[in-house]
C-alpha atoms as a PDB file:
ATOM      1  CA  MET A   1      58.255 -35.822  -3.084  1.00  0.00           C
ATOM      2  CA  GLN A   2      57.497 -36.951   0.728  1.00  0.00           C
ATOM      3  CA  PHE A   3      55.267 -39.413   1.950  1.00  0.00           C
ATOM      4  CA  PHE A   4      53.783 -39.748   5.425  1.00  0.00           C
ATOM      5  CA  GLN A   5      50.973 -42.144   6.427  1.00  0.00           C
ATOM      6  CA  SER A   6      49.214 -42.973   9.733  1.00  0.00           C
ATOM      7  CA  GLN A   7      46.515 -45.060  11.181  1.00  0.00           C
ATOM      8  CA  LEU A   8      43.590 -43.185  13.087  1.00  0.00           C
ATOM      9  CA  GLN A   9      41.011 -44.909  15.235  1.00  0.00           C
ATOM     10  CA  LEU A  10      38.148 -42.978  16.045  1.00  0.00           C
ATOM     11  CA  LYS A  11      36.163 -43.982  19.198  1.00  0.00           C
ATOM     12  CA  PRO A  12      32.357 -44.790  18.670  1.00  0.00           C
ATOM     13  CA  TYR A  13      30.320 -41.716  17.532  1.00  0.00           C
ATOM     14  CA  PRO A  14      26.786 -42.148  17.580  1.00  0.00           C
ATOM     15  CA  ARG A  15      24.815 -42.152  14.307  1.00  0.00           C
ATOM     16  CA  GLY A  16      25.029 -38.996  12.661  1.00  0.00           C
ATOM     17  CA  PHE A  17      27.365 -36.130  10.900  1.00  0.00           C
ATOM     18  CA  HIS A  18      30.461 -35.312  13.262  1.00  0.00           C
ATOM     19  CA  LEU A  19      33.439 -32.877  12.474  1.00  0.00           C
ATOM     20  CA  ILE A  20      37.101 -35.124  13.052  1.00  0.00           C
ATOM     21  CA  THR A  21      39.389 -32.275  11.315  1.00  0.00           C
ATOM     22  CA  LYS A  22      41.130 -31.662  14.255  1.00  0.00           C
ATOM     23  CA  LYS A  23      41.405 -35.357  15.117  1.00  0.00           C
ATOM     24  CA  VAL A  24      42.914 -36.002  11.109  1.00  0.00           C
ATOM     25  CA  LEU A  25      44.920 -32.973  11.667  1.00  0.00           C
ATOM     26  CA  GLN A  26      46.412 -34.584  15.035  1.00  0.00           C
ATOM     27  CA  ALA A  27      47.076 -38.183  13.377  1.00  0.00           C
ATOM     28  CA  ILE A  28      49.682 -36.720  10.713  1.00  0.00           C
ATOM     29  CA  PRO A  29      51.363 -33.452  12.034  1.00  0.00           C
ATOM     30  CA  GLU A  30      54.174 -34.009   9.353  1.00  0.00           C
ATOM     31  CA  ILE A  31      51.897 -32.398   7.373  1.00  0.00           C
ATOM     32  CA  GLU A  32      53.291 -29.299   8.216  1.00  0.00           C
ATOM     33  CA  GLN A  33      56.458 -30.460   6.357  1.00  0.00           C
ATOM     34  CA  ILE A  34      54.498 -29.954   2.869  1.00  0.00           C
ATOM     35  CA  LYS A  35      54.603 -26.779   0.695  1.00  0.00           C
ATOM     36  CA  VAL A  36      52.424 -28.486  -2.133  1.00  0.00           C
ATOM     37  CA  GLY A  37      50.379 -31.536  -1.659  1.00  0.00           C
ATOM     38  CA  GLN A  38      47.323 -33.294  -1.177  1.00  0.00           C
ATOM     39  CA  LEU A  39      45.865 -35.036   1.688  1.00  0.00           C
ATOM     40  CA  HIS A  40      43.932 -38.295   1.625  1.00  0.00           C
ATOM     41  CA  VAL A  41      41.561 -39.504   4.103  1.00  0.00           C
ATOM     42  CA  PHE A  42      40.218 -43.413   3.805  1.00  0.00           C
ATOM     43  CA  ILE A  43      37.899 -45.240   6.034  1.00  0.00           C
ATOM     44  CA  LYS A  44      38.324 -48.990   6.621  1.00  0.00           C
ATOM     45  CA  HIS A  45      34.224 -49.594   7.168  1.00  0.00           C
ATOM     46  CA  THR A  46      31.355 -50.347   5.141  1.00  0.00           C
ATOM     47  CA  SER A  47      28.567 -48.797   6.784  1.00  0.00           C
ATOM     48  CA  ALA A  48      30.337 -45.156   7.494  1.00  0.00           C
ATOM     49  CA  SER A  49      32.003 -42.595   5.150  1.00  0.00           C
ATOM     50  CA  LEU A  50      33.758 -39.384   4.958  1.00  0.00           C
ATOM     51  CA  THR A  51      32.694 -36.368   3.283  1.00  0.00           C
ATOM     52  CA  ILE A  52      33.846 -32.489   2.980  1.00  0.00           C
ATOM     53  CA  ASN A  53      30.903 -29.692   4.174  1.00  0.00           C
ATOM     54  CA  GLU A  54      29.853 -26.939   6.418  1.00  0.00           C
ATOM     55  CA  ASN A  55      31.993 -26.733  10.000  1.00  0.00           C
ATOM     56  CA  ALA A  56      30.032 -23.813  11.511  1.00  0.00           C
ATOM     57  CA  ASP A  57      26.708 -24.466  11.953  1.00  0.00           C
ATOM     58  CA  TYR A  58      25.610 -27.823  13.361  1.00  0.00           C
ATOM     59  CA  THR A  59      22.286 -27.791  12.086  1.00  0.00           C
ATOM     60  CA  VAL A  60      23.724 -28.658   9.025  1.00  0.00           C
ATOM     61  CA  ARG A  61      24.681 -32.102  10.177  1.00  0.00           C
ATOM     62  CA  THR A  62      21.530 -32.347  11.693  1.00  0.00           C
ATOM     63  CA  ASP A  63      19.774 -31.754   8.650  1.00  0.00           C
ATOM     64  CA  PHE A  64      21.912 -34.209   6.700  1.00  0.00           C
ATOM     65  CA  GLU A  65      21.344 -37.185   9.102  1.00  0.00           C
ATOM     66  CA  ASN A  66      17.452 -36.138   8.763  1.00  0.00           C
ATOM     67  CA  HIS A  67      17.635 -36.046   4.773  1.00  0.00           C
ATOM     68  CA  PHE A  68      19.966 -39.234   4.229  1.00  0.00           C
ATOM     69  CA  ASN A  69      16.905 -41.199   6.284  1.00  0.00           C
ATOM     70  CA  VAL A  70      14.399 -39.937   4.111  1.00  0.00           C
ATOM     71  CA  LEU A  71      16.625 -40.760   1.131  1.00  0.00           C
ATOM     72  CA  VAL A  72      17.675 -44.096   2.495  1.00  0.00           C
ATOM     73  CA  PRO A  73      14.832 -45.259   4.419  1.00  0.00           C
ATOM     74  CA  GLU A  74      15.109 -48.314   7.010  1.00  0.00           C
ATOM     75  CA  HIS A  75      12.676 -51.130   6.858  1.00  0.00           C
ATOM     76  CA  ALA A  76      12.267 -51.182   2.926  1.00  0.00           C
ATOM     77  CA  SER A  77      10.569 -54.325   2.147  1.00  0.00           C
ATOM     78  CA  TYR A  78      13.022 -54.791  -0.747  1.00  0.00           C
ATOM     79  CA  TYR A  79      16.086 -54.960   1.294  1.00  0.00           C
ATOM     80  CA  GLU A  80      17.529 -58.695   1.761  1.00  0.00           C
ATOM     81  CA  HIS A  81      20.750 -58.215   3.749  1.00  0.00           C
ATOM     82  CA  THR A  82      18.839 -57.759   7.662  1.00  0.00           C
ATOM     83  CA  TYR A  83      20.185 -60.086   9.516  1.00  0.00           C
ATOM     84  CA  GLU A  84      22.615 -57.181  10.748  1.00  0.00           C
ATOM     85  CA  GLY A  85      19.831 -55.281  11.742  1.00  0.00           C
ATOM     86  CA  VAL A  86      17.457 -52.619  10.250  1.00  0.00           C
ATOM     87  CA  ASP A  87      19.991 -49.763  10.016  1.00  0.00           C
ATOM     88  CA  ASP A  88      22.869 -52.065   8.361  1.00  0.00           C
ATOM     89  CA  MET A  89      21.784 -52.309   4.789  1.00  0.00           C
ATOM     90  CA  PRO A  90      20.916 -48.504   4.845  1.00  0.00           C
ATOM     91  CA  ALA A  91      24.315 -47.535   6.348  1.00  0.00           C
ATOM     92  CA  HIS A  92      25.659 -49.098   3.669  1.00  0.00           C
ATOM     93  CA  ILE A  93      23.759 -47.881   0.731  1.00  0.00           C
ATOM     94  CA  LYS A  94      24.653 -44.241   2.771  1.00  0.00           C
ATOM     95  CA  ALA A  95      28.107 -45.497   2.456  1.00  0.00           C
ATOM     96  CA  SER A  96      28.438 -46.151  -1.166  1.00  0.00           C
ATOM     97  CA  LEU A  97      26.829 -42.847  -2.035  1.00  0.00           C
ATOM     98  CA  LEU A  98      29.094 -40.406   0.035  1.00  0.00           C
ATOM     99  CA  GLY A  99      32.196 -42.613  -0.550  1.00  0.00           C
ATOM    100  CA  ALA A 100      35.042 -44.096   1.690  1.00  0.00           C
ATOM    101  CA  SER A 101      37.770 -41.457   0.978  1.00  0.00           C
ATOM    102  CA  ILE A 102      38.424 -37.644   0.636  1.00  0.00           C
ATOM    103  CA  LEU A 103      41.153 -35.712  -0.561  1.00  0.00           C
ATOM    104  CA  VAL A 104      42.168 -31.891   0.454  1.00  0.00           C
ATOM    105  CA  PRO A 105      44.667 -29.871  -1.089  1.00  0.00           C
ATOM    106  CA  ILE A 106      47.773 -29.068   1.214  1.00  0.00           C
ATOM    107  CA  THR A 107      49.256 -25.732   0.869  1.00  0.00           C
ATOM    108  CA  SER A 108      51.960 -24.383   2.852  1.00  0.00           C
ATOM    109  CA  GLY A 109      51.902 -26.945   5.396  1.00  0.00           C
ATOM    110  CA  ARG A 110      47.967 -26.467   5.856  1.00  0.00           C
ATOM    111  CA  LEU A 111      44.470 -27.868   4.703  1.00  0.00           C
ATOM    112  CA  ASN A 112      43.459 -25.820   2.114  1.00  0.00           C
ATOM    113  CA  LEU A 113      39.919 -26.158   3.163  1.00  0.00           C
ATOM    114  CA  GLY A 114      37.536 -23.096   2.549  1.00  0.00           C
ATOM    115  CA  ILE A 115      36.485 -20.685   5.459  1.00  0.00           C
ATOM    116  CA  TRP A 116      33.665 -22.840   6.254  1.00  0.00           C
ATOM    117  CA  GLN A 117      34.236 -26.419   5.190  1.00  0.00           C
ATOM    118  CA  GLY A 118      35.493 -29.481   7.552  1.00  0.00           C
ATOM    119  CA  ILE A 119      35.823 -33.257   7.181  1.00  0.00           C
ATOM    120  CA  TYR A 120      33.071 -35.570   8.592  1.00  0.00           C
ATOM    121  CA  LEU A 121      32.696 -38.839   9.886  1.00  0.00           C
ATOM    122  CA  CYS A 122      29.172 -39.916   8.357  1.00  0.00           C
ATOM    123  CA  GLU A 123      28.108 -42.441  10.977  1.00  0.00           C
ATOM    124  CA  HIS A 124      25.273 -44.690   9.599  1.00  0.00           C
ATOM    125  CA  ARG A 125      24.689 -47.382  12.165  1.00  0.00           C
ATOM    126  CA  ASP A 126      22.693 -46.728  15.497  1.00  0.00           C
ATOM    127  CA  HIS A 127      25.493 -48.560  17.553  1.00  0.00           C
ATOM    128  CA  ALA A 128      28.774 -48.366  15.632  1.00  0.00           C
ATOM    129  CA  SER A 129      32.127 -49.558  17.063  1.00  0.00           C
ATOM    130  CA  SER A 130      35.339 -47.353  16.899  1.00  0.00           C
ATOM    131  CA  ARG A 131      36.104 -46.450  13.392  1.00  0.00           C
ATOM    132  CA  ASN A 132      39.446 -46.798  11.457  1.00  0.00           C
ATOM    133  CA  LEU A 133      40.965 -44.320   9.521  1.00  0.00           C
ATOM    134  CA  VAL A 134      44.165 -44.325   6.771  1.00  0.00           C
ATOM    135  CA  VAL A 135      45.537 -40.639   6.705  1.00  0.00           C
ATOM    136  CA  THR A 136      48.312 -40.014   4.159  1.00  0.00           C
ATOM    137  CA  ALA A 137      49.705 -37.310   3.509  1.00  0.00           C
ATOM    138  CA  PHE A 138      52.394 -36.304  -0.054  1.00  0.00           C
ATOM    139  CA  GLY A 139      53.533 -33.708  -1.782  1.00  0.00           C
ATOM    140  CA  ILE A 140      56.657 -31.494  -1.886  1.00  0.00           C
END
């Protein structure tokens, strides 16, 4: 079994859902050495998340952002954690709903994603800083 790990610092992205599949792959070229395995990607933040979804039509990402803003609104009267901005507590909730990591199969040195699937950075803050990921590939 082989293990490879790298850290990836993403530039600040605006609020929304962003395809980062290519950036993740660039961070761990050793994936090509793995015949059968897994790629684990973990985001080291509490107000952004990761998910896998449609990589072809950008309107899917826009619809995600719009729906999550309805699902988890800003300015909810019951929020107590408000001192970091009106977008902060909703960002924490959205990040928990989507999760801090993804796991993708590796087959013959490539991600075994569906034809229309890509890795998303889900940025839930209005003015986020850079985001740090831990990218780990393992297998035989």
